[in-house]
Amino acid sequence: MGIIWTIIIGFIVGLIARALKPGNDSAGFIVTTLIGIVGSLIATYLGQAMGWYAAGQPAGFIASVVGAIILLFIWGMVKKRG
């Protein structure tokens, strides 16, 4: 069940991040879900590095959305170069 919840929450986080970030980010279900999951991982590791979260503690929902938005901005900059 843990993997299913990760996919569902990742999709919701990805949708919210895409809605909050300005610009056209057309992506399908899989890409949106991956954006949410990777955004959550970014927020977790960044939070642990800054001392906000203990080791093994996952990031919160808002931090996951912020991590996904950061990922979308980085993806946009890489996409412009190519």
PDB file of N, CA and C in Angstrom:
ATOM      1  N   MET A   1       0.812  -1.196   0.000  1.00  0.00           N
ATOM      2  CA  MET A   1       0.000   0.000   0.000  1.00  0.00           C
ATOM      3  C   MET A   1       0.856   1.262   0.000  1.00  0.00           C
ATOM      4  N   GLY A   2       2.068   1.164   0.518  1.00  0.00           N
ATOM      5  CA  GLY A   2       2.920   2.345   0.593  1.00  0.00           C
ATOM      6  C   GLY A   2       3.252   2.926  -0.772  1.00  0.00           C
ATOM      7  N   ILE A   3       3.488   2.053  -1.735  1.00  0.00           N
ATOM      8  CA  ILE A   3       3.823   2.526  -3.083  1.00  0.00           C
ATOM      9  C   ILE A   3       2.614   3.194  -3.726  1.00  0.00           C
ATOM     10  N   ILE A   4       1.439   2.652  -3.502  1.00  0.00           N
ATOM     11  CA  ILE A   4       0.219   3.239  -4.074  1.00  0.00           C
ATOM     12  C   ILE A   4      -0.019   4.630  -3.490  1.00  0.00           C
ATOM     13  N   TRP A   5       0.153   4.782  -2.174  1.00  0.00           N
ATOM     14  CA  TRP A   5      -0.006   6.096  -1.558  1.00  0.00           C
ATOM     15  C   TRP A   5       1.048   7.069  -2.063  1.00  0.00           C
ATOM     16  N   THR A   6       2.265   6.605  -2.275  1.00  0.00           N
ATOM     17  CA  THR A   6       3.311   7.465  -2.816  1.00  0.00           C
ATOM     18  C   THR A   6       2.930   7.987  -4.192  1.00  0.00           C
ATOM     19  N   ILE A   7       2.373   7.123  -5.020  1.00  0.00           N
ATOM     20  CA  ILE A   7       1.959   7.524  -6.368  1.00  0.00           C
ATOM     21  C   ILE A   7       0.805   8.518  -6.299  1.00  0.00           C
ATOM     22  N   ILE A   8      -0.168   8.247  -5.449  1.00  0.00           N
ATOM     23  CA  ILE A   8      -1.330   9.146  -5.342  1.00  0.00           C
ATOM     24  C   ILE A   8      -0.909  10.516  -4.829  1.00  0.00           C
ATOM     25  N   ILE A   9      -0.148  10.556  -3.746  1.00  0.00           N
ATOM     26  CA  ILE A   9       0.303  11.830  -3.184  1.00  0.00           C
ATOM     27  C   ILE A   9       1.236  12.534  -4.154  1.00  0.00           C
ATOM     28  N   GLY A  10       2.103  11.782  -4.828  1.00  0.00           N
ATOM     29  CA  GLY A  10       2.991  12.383  -5.833  1.00  0.00           C
ATOM     30  C   GLY A  10       2.212  13.041  -6.952  1.00  0.00           C
ATOM     31  N   PHE A  11       1.136  12.402  -7.397  1.00  0.00           N
ATOM     32  CA  PHE A  11       0.306  12.977  -8.450  1.00  0.00           C
ATOM     33  C   PHE A  11      -0.363  14.267  -7.975  1.00  0.00           C
ATOM     34  N   ILE A  12      -0.891  14.260  -6.765  1.00  0.00           N
ATOM     35  CA  ILE A  12      -1.544  15.459  -6.223  1.00  0.00           C
ATOM     36  C   ILE A  12      -0.539  16.586  -6.060  1.00  0.00           C
ATOM     37  N   VAL A  13       0.632  16.281  -5.527  1.00  0.00           N
ATOM     38  CA  VAL A  13       1.682  17.295  -5.365  1.00  0.00           C
ATOM     39  C   VAL A  13       2.107  17.834  -6.726  1.00  0.00           C
ATOM     40  N   GLY A  14       2.265  16.956  -7.711  1.00  0.00           N
ATOM     41  CA  GLY A  14       2.635  17.387  -9.061  1.00  0.00           C
ATOM     42  C   GLY A  14       1.589  18.288  -9.685  1.00  0.00           C
ATOM     43  N   LEU A  15       0.312  17.958  -9.500  1.00  0.00           N
ATOM     44  CA  LEU A  15      -0.767  18.799 -10.030  1.00  0.00           C
ATOM     45  C   LEU A  15      -0.758  20.188  -9.393  1.00  0.00           C
ATOM     46  N   ILE A  16      -0.602  20.231  -8.079  1.00  0.00           N
ATOM     47  CA  ILE A  16      -0.588  21.524  -7.384  1.00  0.00           C
ATOM     48  C   ILE A  16       0.620  22.345  -7.811  1.00  0.00           C
ATOM     49  N   ALA A  17       1.780  21.709  -7.915  1.00  0.00           N
ATOM     50  CA  ALA A  17       2.992  22.426  -8.332  1.00  0.00           C
ATOM     51  C   ALA A  17       2.839  22.990  -9.741  1.00  0.00           C
ATOM     52  N   ARG A  18       2.282  22.200 -10.654  1.00  0.00           N
ATOM     53  CA  ARG A  18       2.078  22.670 -12.028  1.00  0.00           C
ATOM     54  C   ARG A  18       1.065  23.795 -12.077  1.00  0.00           C
ATOM     55  N   ALA A  19       0.067  23.770 -11.188  1.00  0.00           N
ATOM     56  CA  ALA A  19      -0.940  24.827 -11.145  1.00  0.00           C
ATOM     57  C   ALA A  19      -0.373  26.125 -10.581  1.00  0.00           C
ATOM     58  N   LEU A  20       0.546  26.022  -9.618  1.00  0.00           N
ATOM     59  CA  LEU A  20       1.102  27.213  -8.984  1.00  0.00           C
ATOM     60  C   LEU A  20       2.222  27.859  -9.785  1.00  0.00           C
ATOM     61  N   LYS A  21       2.955  27.075 -10.555  1.00  0.00           N
ATOM     62  CA  LYS A  21       4.062  27.619 -11.335  1.00  0.00           C
ATOM     63  C   LYS A  21       3.512  28.259 -12.603  1.00  0.00           C
ATOM     64  N   PRO A  22       3.900  29.517 -12.848  1.00  0.00           N
ATOM     65  CA  PRO A  22       3.417  30.171 -14.066  1.00  0.00           C
ATOM     66  C   PRO A  22       4.037  29.550 -15.317  1.00  0.00           C
ATOM     67  N   GLY A  23       3.299  29.596 -16.402  1.00  0.00           N
ATOM     68  CA  GLY A  23       3.797  29.066 -17.669  1.00  0.00           C
ATOM     69  C   GLY A  23       3.051  27.819 -18.074  1.00  0.00           C
ATOM     70  N   ASN A  24       3.355  27.343 -19.254  1.00  0.00           N
ATOM     71  CA  ASN A  24       2.699  26.169 -19.805  1.00  0.00           C
ATOM     72  C   ASN A  24       3.562  24.944 -19.552  1.00  0.00           C
ATOM     73  N   ASP A  25       3.120  24.091 -18.663  1.00  0.00           N
ATOM     74  CA  ASP A  25       3.821  22.843 -18.360  1.00  0.00           C
ATOM     75  C   ASP A  25       2.913  21.684 -18.715  1.00  0.00           C
ATOM     76  N   SER A  26       2.823  21.399 -19.984  1.00  0.00           N
ATOM     77  CA  SER A  26       1.966  20.288 -20.396  1.00  0.00           C
ATOM     78  C   SER A  26       2.696  18.974 -20.140  1.00  0.00           C
ATOM     79  N   ALA A  27       2.061  18.115 -19.377  1.00  0.00           N
ATOM     80  CA  ALA A  27       2.648  16.812 -19.051  1.00  0.00           C
ATOM     81  C   ALA A  27       1.519  15.837 -18.762  1.00  0.00           C
ATOM     82  N   GLY A  28       1.795  14.583 -18.931  1.00  0.00           N
ATOM     83  CA  GLY A  28       0.801  13.551 -18.682  1.00  0.00           C
ATOM     84  C   GLY A  28       0.801  13.092 -17.236  1.00  0.00           C
ATOM     85  N   PHE A  29       0.039  12.036 -16.993  1.00  0.00           N
ATOM     86  CA  PHE A  29      -0.114  11.490 -15.649  1.00  0.00           C
ATOM     87  C   PHE A  29       1.217  11.023 -15.071  1.00  0.00           C
ATOM     88  N   ILE A  30       1.985  10.299 -15.847  1.00  0.00           N
ATOM     89  CA  ILE A  30       3.241   9.730 -15.348  1.00  0.00           C
ATOM     90  C   ILE A  30       4.251  10.821 -15.030  1.00  0.00           C
ATOM     91  N   VAL A  31       4.410  11.791 -15.916  1.00  0.00           N
ATOM     92  CA  VAL A  31       5.374  12.877 -15.688  1.00  0.00           C
ATOM     93  C   VAL A  31       4.947  13.722 -14.492  1.00  0.00           C
ATOM     94  N   THR A  32       3.659  14.007 -14.375  1.00  0.00           N
ATOM     95  CA  THR A  32       3.161  14.783 -13.239  1.00  0.00           C
ATOM     96  C   THR A  32       3.411  14.044 -11.930  1.00  0.00           C
ATOM     97  N   THR A  33       3.191  12.743 -11.923  1.00  0.00           N
ATOM     98  CA  THR A  33       3.432  11.938 -10.730  1.00  0.00           C
ATOM     99  C   THR A  33       4.918  11.924 -10.375  1.00  0.00           C
ATOM    100  N   LEU A  34       5.770  11.753 -11.374  1.00  0.00           N
ATOM    101  CA  LEU A  34       7.219  11.761 -11.121  1.00  0.00           C
ATOM    102  C   LEU A  34       7.694  13.110 -10.599  1.00  0.00           C
ATOM    103  N   ILE A  35       7.131  14.197 -11.121  1.00  0.00           N
ATOM    104  CA  ILE A  35       7.479  15.536 -10.626  1.00  0.00           C
ATOM    105  C   ILE A  35       7.136  15.648  -9.148  1.00  0.00           C
ATOM    106  N   GLY A  36       5.963  15.163  -8.759  1.00  0.00           N
ATOM    107  CA  GLY A  36       5.565  15.215  -7.360  1.00  0.00           C
ATOM    108  C   GLY A  36       6.433  14.358  -6.466  1.00  0.00           C
ATOM    109  N   ILE A  37       6.748  13.151  -6.905  1.00  0.00           N
ATOM    110  CA  ILE A  37       7.570  12.241  -6.100  1.00  0.00           C
ATOM    111  C   ILE A  37       8.989  12.773  -5.956  1.00  0.00           C
ATOM    112  N   VAL A  38       9.587  13.200  -7.058  1.00  0.00           N
ATOM    113  CA  VAL A  38      10.956  13.727  -6.997  1.00  0.00           C
ATOM    114  C   VAL A  38      10.988  15.046  -6.227  1.00  0.00           C
ATOM    115  N   GLY A  39       9.952  15.866  -6.369  1.00  0.00           N
ATOM    116  CA  GLY A  39       9.870  17.103  -5.582  1.00  0.00           C
ATOM    117  C   GLY A  39       9.840  16.826  -4.098  1.00  0.00           C
ATOM    118  N   SER A  40       9.140  15.779  -3.711  1.00  0.00           N
ATOM    119  CA  SER A  40       9.106  15.392  -2.310  1.00  0.00           C
ATOM    120  C   SER A  40      10.471  14.916  -1.832  1.00  0.00           C
ATOM    121  N   LEU A  41      11.168  14.161  -2.678  1.00  0.00           N
ATOM    122  CA  LEU A  41      12.523  13.722  -2.317  1.00  0.00           C
ATOM    123  C   LEU A  41      13.472  14.903  -2.183  1.00  0.00           C
ATOM    124  N   ILE A  42      13.356  15.872  -3.090  1.00  0.00           N
ATOM    125  CA  ILE A  42      14.185  17.081  -3.006  1.00  0.00           C
ATOM    126  C   ILE A  42      13.923  17.801  -1.689  1.00  0.00           C
ATOM    127  N   ALA A  43      12.642  17.970  -1.348  1.00  0.00           N
ATOM    128  CA  ALA A  43      12.291  18.653  -0.102  1.00  0.00           C
ATOM    129  C   ALA A  43      12.790  17.887   1.118  1.00  0.00           C
ATOM    130  N   THR A  44      12.718  16.557   1.077  1.00  0.00           N
ATOM    131  CA  THR A  44      13.183  15.752   2.200  1.00  0.00           C
ATOM    132  C   THR A  44      14.679  15.910   2.412  1.00  0.00           C
ATOM    133  N   TYR A  45      15.460  15.751   1.347  1.00  0.00           N
ATOM    134  CA  TYR A  45      16.915  15.832   1.495  1.00  0.00           C
ATOM    135  C   TYR A  45      17.382  17.253   1.780  1.00  0.00           C
ATOM    136  N   LEU A  46      16.738  18.244   1.200  1.00  0.00           N
ATOM    137  CA  LEU A  46      17.091  19.631   1.485  1.00  0.00           C
ATOM    138  C   LEU A  46      16.748  19.967   2.937  1.00  0.00           C
ATOM    139  N   GLY A  47      15.589  19.509   3.394  1.00  0.00           N
ATOM    140  CA  GLY A  47      15.192  19.737   4.787  1.00  0.00           C
ATOM    141  C   GLY A  47      16.100  19.045   5.775  1.00  0.00           C
ATOM    142  N   GLN A  48      16.556  17.833   5.446  1.00  0.00           N
ATOM    143  CA  GLN A  48      17.490  17.134   6.327  1.00  0.00           C
ATOM    144  C   GLN A  48      18.845  17.827   6.351  1.00  0.00           C
ATOM    145  N   ALA A  49      19.290  18.339   5.195  1.00  0.00           N
ATOM    146  CA  ALA A  49      20.577  19.030   5.138  1.00  0.00           C
ATOM    147  C   ALA A  49      20.546  20.333   5.938  1.00  0.00           C
ATOM    148  N   MET A  50      19.383  20.976   5.983  1.00  0.00           N
ATOM    149  CA  MET A  50      19.263  22.243   6.713  1.00  0.00           C
ATOM    150  C   MET A  50      18.845  22.039   8.165  1.00  0.00           C
ATOM    151  N   GLY A  51      18.612  20.782   8.571  1.00  0.00           N
ATOM    152  CA  GLY A  51      18.280  20.487   9.954  1.00  0.00           C
ATOM    153  C   GLY A  51      16.801  20.623  10.290  1.00  0.00           C
ATOM    154  N   TRP A  52      15.939  20.748   9.305  1.00  0.00           N
ATOM    155  CA  TRP A  52      14.502  20.880   9.548  1.00  0.00           C
ATOM    156  C   TRP A  52      13.860  19.532   9.840  1.00  0.00           C
ATOM    157  N   TYR A  53      14.390  18.470   9.237  1.00  0.00           N
ATOM    158  CA  TYR A  53      13.849  17.127   9.414  1.00  0.00           C
ATOM    159  C   TYR A  53      14.941  16.216   9.944  1.00  0.00           C
ATOM    160  N   ALA A  54      14.532  15.265  10.766  1.00  0.00           N
ATOM    161  CA  ALA A  54      15.475  14.258  11.258  1.00  0.00           C
ATOM    162  C   ALA A  54      15.682  13.205  10.173  1.00  0.00           C
ATOM    163  N   ALA A  55      16.744  12.435  10.304  1.00  0.00           N
ATOM    164  CA  ALA A  55      17.007  11.373   9.332  1.00  0.00           C
ATOM    165  C   ALA A  55      15.851  10.382   9.331  1.00  0.00           C
ATOM    166  N   GLY A  56      15.366  10.052   8.160  1.00  0.00           N
ATOM    167  CA  GLY A  56      14.254   9.125   8.030  1.00  0.00           C
ATOM    168  C   GLY A  56      12.883   9.775   8.107  1.00  0.00           C
ATOM    169  N   GLN A  57      12.835  11.059   8.411  1.00  0.00           N
ATOM    170  CA  GLN A  57      11.557  11.761   8.502  1.00  0.00           C
ATOM    171  C   GLN A  57      11.223  12.375   7.139  1.00  0.00           C
ATOM    172  N   PRO A  58      10.047  12.083   6.584  1.00  0.00           N
ATOM    173  CA  PRO A  58       9.704  12.631   5.262  1.00  0.00           C
ATOM    174  C   PRO A  58       9.299  14.097   5.339  1.00  0.00           C
ATOM    175  N   ALA A  59       9.367  14.765   4.215  1.00  0.00           N
ATOM    176  CA  ALA A  59       8.956  16.161   4.135  1.00  0.00           C
ATOM    177  C   ALA A  59       7.446  16.254   4.231  1.00  0.00           C
ATOM    178  N   GLY A  60       6.966  17.408   4.650  1.00  0.00           N
ATOM    179  CA  GLY A  60       5.532  17.640   4.708  1.00  0.00           C
ATOM    180  C   GLY A  60       4.957  17.917   3.320  1.00  0.00           C
ATOM    181  N   PHE A  61       3.644  18.055   3.270  1.00  0.00           N
ATOM    182  CA  PHE A  61       2.956  18.241   1.998  1.00  0.00           C
ATOM    183  C   PHE A  61       3.353  19.552   1.328  1.00  0.00           C
ATOM    184  N   ILE A  62       3.386  20.643   2.092  1.00  0.00           N
ATOM    185  CA  ILE A  62       3.731  21.952   1.522  1.00  0.00           C
ATOM    186  C   ILE A  62       5.177  21.955   1.055  1.00  0.00           C
ATOM    187  N   ALA A  63       6.062  21.374   1.827  1.00  0.00           N
ATOM    188  CA  ALA A  63       7.466  21.297   1.422  1.00  0.00           C
ATOM    189  C   ALA A  63       7.616  20.466   0.152  1.00  0.00           C
ATOM    190  N   SER A  64       6.812  19.427   0.005  1.00  0.00           N
ATOM    191  CA  SER A  64       6.848  18.614  -1.206  1.00  0.00           C
ATOM    192  C   SER A  64       6.419  19.421  -2.423  1.00  0.00           C
ATOM    193  N   VAL A  65       5.390  20.248  -2.259  1.00  0.00           N
ATOM    194  CA  VAL A  65       4.939  21.109  -3.361  1.00  0.00           C
ATOM    195  C   VAL A  65       6.038  22.107  -3.729  1.00  0.00           C
ATOM    196  N   VAL A  66       6.685  22.687  -2.727  1.00  0.00           N
ATOM    197  CA  VAL A  66       7.779  23.629  -2.989  1.00  0.00           C
ATOM    198  C   VAL A  66       8.925  22.917  -3.702  1.00  0.00           C
ATOM    199  N   GLY A  67       9.255  21.712  -3.283  1.00  0.00           N
ATOM    200  CA  GLY A  67      10.296  20.935  -3.954  1.00  0.00           C
ATOM    201  C   GLY A  67       9.935  20.636  -5.396  1.00  0.00           C
ATOM    202  N   ALA A  68       8.666  20.335  -5.666  1.00  0.00           N
ATOM    203  CA  ALA A  68       8.222  20.070  -7.038  1.00  0.00           C
ATOM    204  C   ALA A  68       8.282  21.339  -7.887  1.00  0.00           C
ATOM    205  N   ILE A  69       7.954  22.481  -7.297  1.00  0.00           N
ATOM    206  CA  ILE A  69       8.051  23.751  -8.038  1.00  0.00           C
ATOM    207  C   ILE A  69       9.505  24.048  -8.367  1.00  0.00           C
ATOM    208  N   ILE A  70      10.407  23.808  -7.429  1.00  0.00           N
ATOM    209  CA  ILE A  70      11.841  23.991  -7.696  1.00  0.00           C
ATOM    210  C   ILE A  70      12.270  23.096  -8.848  1.00  0.00           C
ATOM    211  N   LEU A  71      11.818  21.846  -8.830  1.00  0.00           N
ATOM    212  CA  LEU A  71      12.135  20.914  -9.910  1.00  0.00           C
ATOM    213  C   LEU A  71      11.598  21.421 -11.253  1.00  0.00           C
ATOM    214  N   LEU A  72      10.388  21.970 -11.266  1.00  0.00           N
ATOM    215  CA  LEU A  72       9.813  22.501 -12.505  1.00  0.00           C
ATOM    216  C   LEU A  72      10.616  23.686 -13.035  1.00  0.00           C
ATOM    217  N   PHE A  73      11.082  24.556 -12.146  1.00  0.00           N
ATOM    218  CA  PHE A  73      11.915  25.685 -12.586  1.00  0.00           C
ATOM    219  C   PHE A  73      13.240  25.190 -13.166  1.00  0.00           C
ATOM    220  N   ILE A  74      13.856  24.218 -12.506  1.00  0.00           N
ATOM    221  CA  ILE A  74      15.118  23.660 -13.021  1.00  0.00           C
ATOM    222  C   ILE A  74      14.883  22.995 -14.368  1.00  0.00           C
ATOM    223  N   TRP A  75      13.797  22.235 -14.493  1.00  0.00           N
ATOM    224  CA  TRP A  75      13.465  21.578 -15.761  1.00  0.00           C
ATOM    225  C   TRP A  75      13.232  22.612 -16.860  1.00  0.00           C
ATOM    226  N   GLY A  76      12.570  23.715 -16.533  1.00  0.00           N
ATOM    227  CA  GLY A  76      12.345  24.781 -17.509  1.00  0.00           C
ATOM    228  C   GLY A  76      13.642  25.416 -17.993  1.00  0.00           C
ATOM    229  N   MET A  77      14.600  25.607 -17.076  1.00  0.00           N
ATOM    230  CA  MET A  77      15.881  26.198 -17.468  1.00  0.00           C
ATOM    231  C   MET A  77      16.674  25.225 -18.345  1.00  0.00           C
ATOM    232  N   VAL A  78      16.650  23.949 -18.028  1.00  0.00           N
ATOM    233  CA  VAL A  78      17.353  22.949 -18.827  1.00  0.00           C
ATOM    234  C   VAL A  78      16.695  22.821 -20.196  1.00  0.00           C
ATOM    235  N   LYS A  79      15.393  22.863 -20.231  1.00  0.00           N
ATOM    236  CA  LYS A  79      14.647  22.718 -21.476  1.00  0.00           C
ATOM    237  C   LYS A  79      14.896  23.883 -22.428  1.00  0.00           C
ATOM    238  N   LYS A  80      15.082  25.107 -21.871  1.00  0.00           N
ATOM    239  CA  LYS A  80      15.364  26.280 -22.699  1.00  0.00           C
ATOM    240  C   LYS A  80      16.722  26.181 -23.376  1.00  0.00           C
ATOM    241  N   ARG A  81      17.694  25.612 -22.682  1.00  0.00           N
ATOM    242  CA  ARG A  81      19.040  25.484 -23.237  1.00  0.00           C
ATOM    243  C   ARG A  81      19.094  24.532 -24.431  1.00  0.00           C
ATOM    244  N   GLY A  82      18.290  23.466 -24.355  1.00  0.00           N
ATOM    245  CA  GLY A  82      18.342  22.408 -25.366  1.00  0.00           C
ATOM    246  C   GLY A  82      17.552  22.676 -26.573  1.00  0.00           C
TER     247      GLY A  82
END
